[in-house]
N, C-alpha and C. Protein backbone atom coordinates (compact mmCIF):
# COMPACT_ATOMS: atom_id res chain seq x y z
N UNK A 1 0.85 -1.17 0.00
CA UNK A 1 0.00 0.00 0.00
C UNK A 1 0.89 1.23 0.00
N UNK A 2 0.51 2.22 -0.75
CA UNK A 2 1.26 3.46 -0.81
C UNK A 2 1.28 4.14 0.56
N UNK A 3 2.43 4.73 0.96
CA UNK A 3 2.48 5.44 2.23
C UNK A 3 1.50 6.61 2.26
N UNK A 4 1.10 7.07 1.09
CA UNK A 4 0.16 8.17 1.01
C UNK A 4 -1.15 7.82 1.71
N UNK A 5 -1.54 6.55 1.65
CA UNK A 5 -2.82 6.15 2.20
C UNK A 5 -2.69 5.26 3.43
N UNK A 6 -1.47 4.93 3.83
CA UNK A 6 -1.28 4.09 4.99
C UNK A 6 -1.61 4.87 6.24
N UNK A 7 -2.40 4.30 7.10
CA UNK A 7 -2.79 4.95 8.34
C UNK A 7 -2.72 3.94 9.46
N UNK A 8 -2.43 4.45 10.64
CA UNK A 8 -2.51 3.59 11.81
C UNK A 8 -3.98 3.57 12.23
N UNK A 9 -4.61 2.40 12.04
CA UNK A 9 -6.02 2.25 12.40
C UNK A 9 -6.19 0.98 13.19
N UNK A 10 -7.10 0.98 14.12
CA UNK A 10 -7.38 -0.27 14.81
C UNK A 10 -7.85 -1.31 13.80
N UNK A 11 -7.55 -2.56 14.06
CA UNK A 11 -7.95 -3.66 13.18
C UNK A 11 -9.46 -3.64 12.97
N UNK A 12 -9.88 -3.79 11.73
CA UNK A 12 -11.30 -3.83 11.41
C UNK A 12 -11.89 -2.49 11.02
N UNK A 13 -11.22 -1.39 11.36
CA UNK A 13 -11.72 -0.08 10.95
C UNK A 13 -11.52 0.11 9.46
N UNK A 14 -12.45 0.77 8.84
CA UNK A 14 -12.41 1.01 7.40
C UNK A 14 -12.21 2.50 7.15
N UNK A 15 -11.72 2.84 5.98
CA UNK A 15 -11.60 4.23 5.56
C UNK A 15 -11.85 4.31 4.07
N UNK A 16 -12.75 5.19 3.70
CA UNK A 16 -13.04 5.45 2.29
C UNK A 16 -12.40 6.79 1.93
N UNK A 17 -11.69 6.82 0.82
CA UNK A 17 -11.08 8.05 0.32
C UNK A 17 -11.67 8.35 -1.05
N UNK A 18 -12.17 9.57 -1.19
CA UNK A 18 -12.68 10.03 -2.47
C UNK A 18 -11.64 10.98 -3.07
N UNK A 19 -11.08 10.58 -4.20
CA UNK A 19 -10.11 11.42 -4.91
C UNK A 19 -10.90 12.18 -5.96
N UNK A 20 -10.86 13.51 -5.87
CA UNK A 20 -11.71 14.35 -6.71
C UNK A 20 -11.01 15.64 -7.09
N UNK A 21 -11.69 16.45 -7.89
CA UNK A 21 -11.18 17.78 -8.20
C UNK A 21 -12.34 18.76 -8.15
N UNK A 22 -12.04 20.02 -7.92
CA UNK A 22 -13.09 21.04 -7.88
C UNK A 22 -13.78 21.17 -9.24
N UNK A 23 -15.08 21.41 -9.20
CA UNK A 23 -15.84 21.66 -10.42
C UNK A 23 -16.18 20.41 -11.22
N UNK A 24 -15.98 19.26 -10.66
CA UNK A 24 -16.24 17.98 -11.36
C UNK A 24 -17.61 17.47 -10.95
N UNK A 25 -18.55 17.43 -11.90
CA UNK A 25 -19.91 16.99 -11.55
C UNK A 25 -19.95 15.50 -11.19
N UNK A 26 -19.12 14.69 -11.82
CA UNK A 26 -19.07 13.27 -11.44
C UNK A 26 -18.53 13.11 -10.01
N UNK A 27 -17.61 13.99 -9.64
CA UNK A 27 -17.07 13.96 -8.28
C UNK A 27 -18.14 14.32 -7.27
N UNK A 28 -18.96 15.31 -7.61
CA UNK A 28 -20.06 15.69 -6.73
C UNK A 28 -21.04 14.53 -6.56
N UNK A 29 -21.36 13.86 -7.66
CA UNK A 29 -22.26 12.71 -7.62
C UNK A 29 -21.66 11.59 -6.76
N UNK A 30 -20.37 11.34 -6.94
CA UNK A 30 -19.69 10.30 -6.17
C UNK A 30 -19.71 10.62 -4.68
N UNK A 31 -19.52 11.88 -4.35
CA UNK A 31 -19.48 12.27 -2.94
C UNK A 31 -20.83 12.02 -2.27
N UNK A 32 -21.92 12.27 -2.98
CA UNK A 32 -23.25 12.02 -2.42
C UNK A 32 -23.38 10.54 -2.03
N UNK A 33 -22.94 9.65 -2.91
CA UNK A 33 -23.02 8.21 -2.64
C UNK A 33 -22.10 7.82 -1.48
N UNK A 34 -20.87 8.31 -1.51
CA UNK A 34 -19.90 7.99 -0.45
C UNK A 34 -20.42 8.47 0.90
N UNK A 35 -20.91 9.71 0.96
CA UNK A 35 -21.44 10.24 2.21
C UNK A 35 -22.58 9.39 2.74
N UNK A 36 -23.50 9.01 1.88
CA UNK A 36 -24.67 8.22 2.29
C UNK A 36 -24.27 6.86 2.81
N UNK A 37 -23.47 6.13 2.04
CA UNK A 37 -23.09 4.77 2.43
C UNK A 37 -22.26 4.81 3.71
N UNK A 38 -21.31 5.72 3.78
CA UNK A 38 -20.45 5.80 4.96
C UNK A 38 -21.25 6.20 6.21
N UNK A 39 -22.19 7.09 6.05
CA UNK A 39 -23.04 7.48 7.18
C UNK A 39 -23.89 6.30 7.64
N UNK A 40 -24.46 5.58 6.70
CA UNK A 40 -25.29 4.42 7.04
C UNK A 40 -24.51 3.35 7.79
N UNK A 41 -23.25 3.15 7.39
CA UNK A 41 -22.44 2.07 7.96
C UNK A 41 -21.50 2.52 9.07
N UNK A 42 -21.45 3.82 9.32
CA UNK A 42 -20.55 4.34 10.35
C UNK A 42 -19.09 4.24 9.97
N UNK A 43 -18.82 4.37 8.68
CA UNK A 43 -17.45 4.28 8.18
C UNK A 43 -16.93 5.68 7.91
N UNK A 44 -15.74 6.02 8.40
CA UNK A 44 -15.18 7.34 8.11
C UNK A 44 -14.76 7.45 6.65
N UNK A 45 -14.82 8.69 6.16
CA UNK A 45 -14.37 8.92 4.78
C UNK A 45 -13.65 10.26 4.74
N UNK A 46 -12.84 10.41 3.70
CA UNK A 46 -12.10 11.66 3.50
C UNK A 46 -12.10 11.98 2.02
N UNK A 47 -11.87 13.24 1.73
CA UNK A 47 -11.79 13.71 0.35
C UNK A 47 -10.39 14.25 0.11
N UNK A 48 -9.83 13.89 -1.03
CA UNK A 48 -8.50 14.40 -1.42
C UNK A 48 -8.64 15.09 -2.77
N UNK A 49 -8.07 16.28 -2.86
CA UNK A 49 -8.11 17.09 -4.08
C UNK A 49 -6.93 16.72 -4.97
N UNK A 50 -7.23 16.17 -6.13
CA UNK A 50 -6.20 15.70 -7.05
C UNK A 50 -5.31 16.85 -7.56
N UNK A 51 -5.83 18.07 -7.54
CA UNK A 51 -5.06 19.21 -8.02
C UNK A 51 -4.03 19.69 -7.00
N UNK A 52 -4.11 19.17 -5.78
CA UNK A 52 -3.18 19.58 -4.73
C UNK A 52 -2.15 18.51 -4.39
N UNK A 53 -2.15 17.41 -5.12
CA UNK A 53 -1.24 16.31 -4.81
C UNK A 53 -0.72 15.71 -6.12
N UNK A 54 0.53 15.92 -6.40
CA UNK A 54 1.12 15.46 -7.66
C UNK A 54 1.05 13.93 -7.81
N UNK A 55 1.24 13.21 -6.72
CA UNK A 55 1.17 11.75 -6.78
C UNK A 55 -0.22 11.26 -7.18
N UNK A 56 -1.24 11.85 -6.59
CA UNK A 56 -2.61 11.49 -6.96
C UNK A 56 -2.89 11.88 -8.41
N UNK A 57 -2.42 13.06 -8.79
CA UNK A 57 -2.62 13.53 -10.16
C UNK A 57 -2.01 12.56 -11.16
N UNK A 58 -0.77 12.17 -10.93
CA UNK A 58 -0.09 11.27 -11.86
C UNK A 58 -0.77 9.91 -11.94
N UNK A 59 -1.29 9.45 -10.84
CA UNK A 59 -1.87 8.11 -10.80
C UNK A 59 -3.32 8.05 -11.28
N UNK A 60 -4.12 9.07 -10.96
CA UNK A 60 -5.56 8.95 -11.17
C UNK A 60 -6.19 9.98 -12.10
N UNK A 61 -5.42 10.87 -12.70
CA UNK A 61 -6.00 11.99 -13.43
C UNK A 61 -7.09 11.59 -14.42
N UNK A 62 -6.89 10.53 -15.16
CA UNK A 62 -7.86 10.13 -16.19
C UNK A 62 -9.02 9.32 -15.63
N UNK A 63 -9.04 9.08 -14.34
CA UNK A 63 -10.08 8.23 -13.76
C UNK A 63 -11.00 8.95 -12.77
N UNK A 64 -10.74 10.17 -12.43
CA UNK A 64 -11.51 10.80 -11.36
C UNK A 64 -12.99 10.91 -11.69
N UNK A 65 -13.82 10.81 -10.69
CA UNK A 65 -13.49 10.54 -9.29
C UNK A 65 -13.08 9.08 -9.09
N UNK A 66 -12.22 8.90 -8.11
CA UNK A 66 -11.75 7.56 -7.74
C UNK A 66 -12.11 7.34 -6.28
N UNK A 67 -12.62 6.16 -5.98
CA UNK A 67 -12.91 5.80 -4.60
C UNK A 67 -11.95 4.71 -4.17
N UNK A 68 -11.28 4.95 -3.07
CA UNK A 68 -10.37 3.98 -2.47
C UNK A 68 -11.02 3.46 -1.19
N UNK A 69 -10.92 2.18 -0.98
CA UNK A 69 -11.37 1.57 0.27
C UNK A 69 -10.13 1.01 0.94
N UNK A 70 -9.83 1.55 2.10
CA UNK A 70 -8.63 1.15 2.84
C UNK A 70 -7.37 1.28 2.00
N UNK A 71 -7.31 2.35 1.18
CA UNK A 71 -6.12 2.64 0.39
C UNK A 71 -6.03 1.93 -0.94
N UNK A 72 -6.99 1.06 -1.22
CA UNK A 72 -6.98 0.32 -2.50
C UNK A 72 -8.12 0.83 -3.38
N UNK A 73 -7.83 0.92 -4.66
CA UNK A 73 -8.83 1.43 -5.59
C UNK A 73 -10.04 0.50 -5.63
N UNK A 74 -11.19 1.09 -5.39
CA UNK A 74 -12.46 0.35 -5.42
C UNK A 74 -13.18 0.59 -6.74
N UNK A 75 -13.26 1.84 -7.16
CA UNK A 75 -13.96 2.18 -8.39
C UNK A 75 -13.52 3.54 -8.88
N UNK A 76 -13.99 3.90 -10.08
CA UNK A 76 -13.74 5.23 -10.62
C UNK A 76 -14.91 5.63 -11.51
N UNK A 77 -14.97 6.90 -11.83
CA UNK A 77 -16.01 7.55 -12.62
C UNK A 77 -17.38 7.52 -11.94
N UNK A 78 -18.02 6.39 -11.89
CA UNK A 78 -19.35 6.27 -11.28
C UNK A 78 -19.27 5.35 -10.06
N UNK A 79 -19.92 5.76 -8.98
CA UNK A 79 -19.90 4.96 -7.76
C UNK A 79 -21.24 4.27 -7.60
N UNK A 80 -21.20 2.94 -7.53
CA UNK A 80 -22.40 2.16 -7.33
C UNK A 80 -22.62 1.97 -5.83
N UNK A 81 -23.75 2.46 -5.35
CA UNK A 81 -24.03 2.41 -3.91
C UNK A 81 -24.01 0.98 -3.37
N UNK A 82 -24.66 0.06 -4.05
CA UNK A 82 -24.72 -1.33 -3.56
C UNK A 82 -23.34 -1.97 -3.53
N UNK A 83 -22.54 -1.70 -4.54
CA UNK A 83 -21.19 -2.28 -4.61
C UNK A 83 -20.29 -1.73 -3.49
N UNK A 84 -20.38 -0.42 -3.24
CA UNK A 84 -19.60 0.18 -2.18
C UNK A 84 -20.05 -0.36 -0.82
N UNK A 85 -21.34 -0.44 -0.63
CA UNK A 85 -21.90 -0.98 0.63
C UNK A 85 -21.40 -2.41 0.86
N UNK A 86 -21.40 -3.23 -0.19
CA UNK A 86 -20.93 -4.61 -0.06
C UNK A 86 -19.44 -4.66 0.29
N UNK A 87 -18.65 -3.80 -0.34
CA UNK A 87 -17.20 -3.78 -0.07
C UNK A 87 -16.92 -3.39 1.37
N UNK A 88 -17.74 -2.52 1.92
CA UNK A 88 -17.52 -2.06 3.30
C UNK A 88 -18.13 -3.01 4.32
N UNK A 89 -18.94 -3.93 3.89
CA UNK A 89 -19.59 -4.88 4.79
C UNK A 89 -18.82 -6.19 4.89
N UNK A 90 -17.78 -6.35 4.07
CA UNK A 90 -16.97 -7.58 4.11
C UNK A 90 -16.29 -7.74 5.44
């Protein structure tokens, strides 16, 4: 796992990261889904701005929005609520 996303977390805790950029309507749509699913399941989430991080930009520019679950890429472009919920319920 990249040190960029490595965190000290208690075992079993999950973290969703939304990689996005300002003014992106797909990113706004993705955030609505991430917020809803994470709120329902009590999972913390964070947003990272791809324009402020060269590493994220180089890796994900053509895929944003990108959703990472525990630092691993889960999906990009469109976020499926049921699929995200299932990934976080494992």
